[in-house]
C-alpha atoms as a PDB file:
ATOM      1  CA  MET A   1      60.374  91.112  71.341  1.00  0.00           C
ATOM      2  CA  LEU A   2      62.844  89.512  68.948  1.00  0.00           C
ATOM      3  CA  MET A   3      64.887  92.726  68.690  1.00  0.00           C
ATOM      4  CA  ILE A   4      65.318  92.811  72.466  1.00  0.00           C
ATOM      5  CA  TRP A   5      66.828  89.317  72.470  1.00  0.00           C
ATOM      6  CA  ILE A   6      69.072  90.161  69.531  1.00  0.00           C
ATOM      7  CA  ASP A   7      70.259  93.273  71.383  1.00  0.00           C
ATOM      8  CA  PHE A   8      71.011  91.220  74.501  1.00  0.00           C
ATOM      9  CA  LEU A   9      72.895  88.636  72.470  1.00  0.00           C
ATOM     10  CA  LEU A  10      74.879  91.321  70.649  1.00  0.00           C
ATOM     11  CA  ILE A  11      75.754  93.143  73.872  1.00  0.00           C
ATOM     12  CA  GLY A  12      76.724  89.865  75.536  1.00  0.00           C
ATOM     13  CA  PHE A  13      78.888  88.853  72.599  1.00  0.00           C
ATOM     14  CA  LEU A  14      80.666  92.216  72.469  1.00  0.00           C
ATOM     15  CA  PHE A  15      81.192  92.299  76.237  1.00  0.00           C
ATOM     16  CA  GLY A  16      82.486  88.737  76.261  1.00  0.00           C
ATOM     17  CA  THR A  17      84.857  89.395  73.380  1.00  0.00           C
ATOM     18  CA  SER A  18      86.268  92.589  74.882  1.00  0.00           C
ATOM     19  CA  PHE A  19      86.586  90.958  78.306  1.00  0.00           C
ATOM     20  CA  GLY A  20      88.429  88.028  76.742  1.00  0.00           C
ATOM     21  CA  LEU A  21      90.856  90.330  74.935  1.00  0.00           C
ATOM     22  CA  VAL A  22      91.574  92.332  78.097  1.00  0.00           C
ATOM     23  CA  LEU A  23      92.047  89.143  80.097  1.00  0.00           C
ATOM     24  CA  SER A  24      94.452  87.712  77.514  1.00  0.00           C
ATOM     25  CA  VAL A  25      96.545  90.910  77.560  1.00  0.00           C
ATOM     26  CA  ILE A  26      96.708  90.817  81.371  1.00  0.00           C
ATOM     27  CA  ILE A  27      97.761  87.153  81.355  1.00  0.00           C
ATOM     28  CA  ASP A  28     100.373  87.835  78.654  1.00  0.00           C
ATOM     29  CA  ARG A  29     101.935  90.676  80.634  1.00  0.00           C
ATOM     30  CA  PHE A  30     101.921  88.593  83.821  1.00  0.00           C
ATOM     31  CA  LEU A  31     103.701  85.722  82.074  1.00  0.00           C
ATOM     32  CA  ASP A  32     106.265  88.091  80.532  1.00  0.00           C
ATOM     33  CA  LYS A  33     106.963  89.519  83.991  1.00  0.00           C
ATOM     34  CA  GLN A  34     107.429  86.029  85.428  1.00  0.00           C
ATOM     35  CA  PHE A  35     109.827  85.055  82.630  1.00  0.00           C
ATOM     36  CA  ASP A  36     111.822  88.258  83.166  1.00  0.00           C
ATOM     37  CA  ASN A  37     112.102  87.459  86.864  1.00  0.00           C
ATOM     38  CA  GLU A  38     113.360  83.972  86.068  1.00  0.00           C
ATOM     39  CA  ARG A  39     115.941  85.361  83.645  1.00  0.00           C
ATOM     40  CA  LYS A  40     117.178  87.791  86.305  1.00  0.00           C
ATOM     41  CA  GLN A  41     117.456  84.980  88.841  1.00  0.00           C
ATOM     42  CA  MET A  42     119.546  82.920  86.461  1.00  0.00           C
ATOM     43  CA  GLY A  43     121.900  85.854  86.086  1.00  0.00           C
ATOM     44  CA  PHE A  44     123.956  84.627  83.181  1.00  0.00           C
ATOM     45  CA  LYS A  45     124.247  85.440  79.547  1.00  0.00           C
ATOM     46  CA  ILE A  46     125.524  83.067  76.932  1.00  0.00           C
ATOM     47  CA  ASP A  47     127.701  84.976  74.485  1.00  0.00           C
ATOM     48  CA  LYS A  48     129.396  82.153  72.657  1.00  0.00           C
ATOM     49  CA  ILE A  49     129.008  78.402  72.657  1.00  0.00           C
ATOM     50  CA  THR A  50     131.963  76.265  71.664  1.00  0.00           C
ATOM     51  CA  TRP A  51     131.991  72.511  71.564  1.00  0.00           C
ATOM     52  CA  ILE A  52     135.278  71.064  72.731  1.00  0.00           C
ATOM     53  CA  SER A  53     135.895  67.351  72.675  1.00  0.00           C
ATOM     54  CA  ASN A  54     138.799  65.466  74.176  1.00  0.00           C
ATOM     55  CA  ASP A  55     140.246  64.881  70.712  1.00  0.00           C
ATOM     56  CA  ASP A  56     140.662  68.597  69.984  1.00  0.00           C
ATOM     57  CA  LYS A  57     144.203  69.890  70.175  1.00  0.00           C
ATOM     58  CA  GLU A  58     144.846  73.472  71.059  1.00  0.00           C
END
């Protein structure tokens, strides 16, 4: 009787762990897709940042 409960606990633990890993991968890909969409909507790329103050003379 004890072995049956241990088997159920082991199967439940393994199923829960694998389900959690799959769910985390799905959420990670979904978030990456959302961030890519936001980057495309912004539509700009910063190549160089220069700080210019009013005191600078060119």
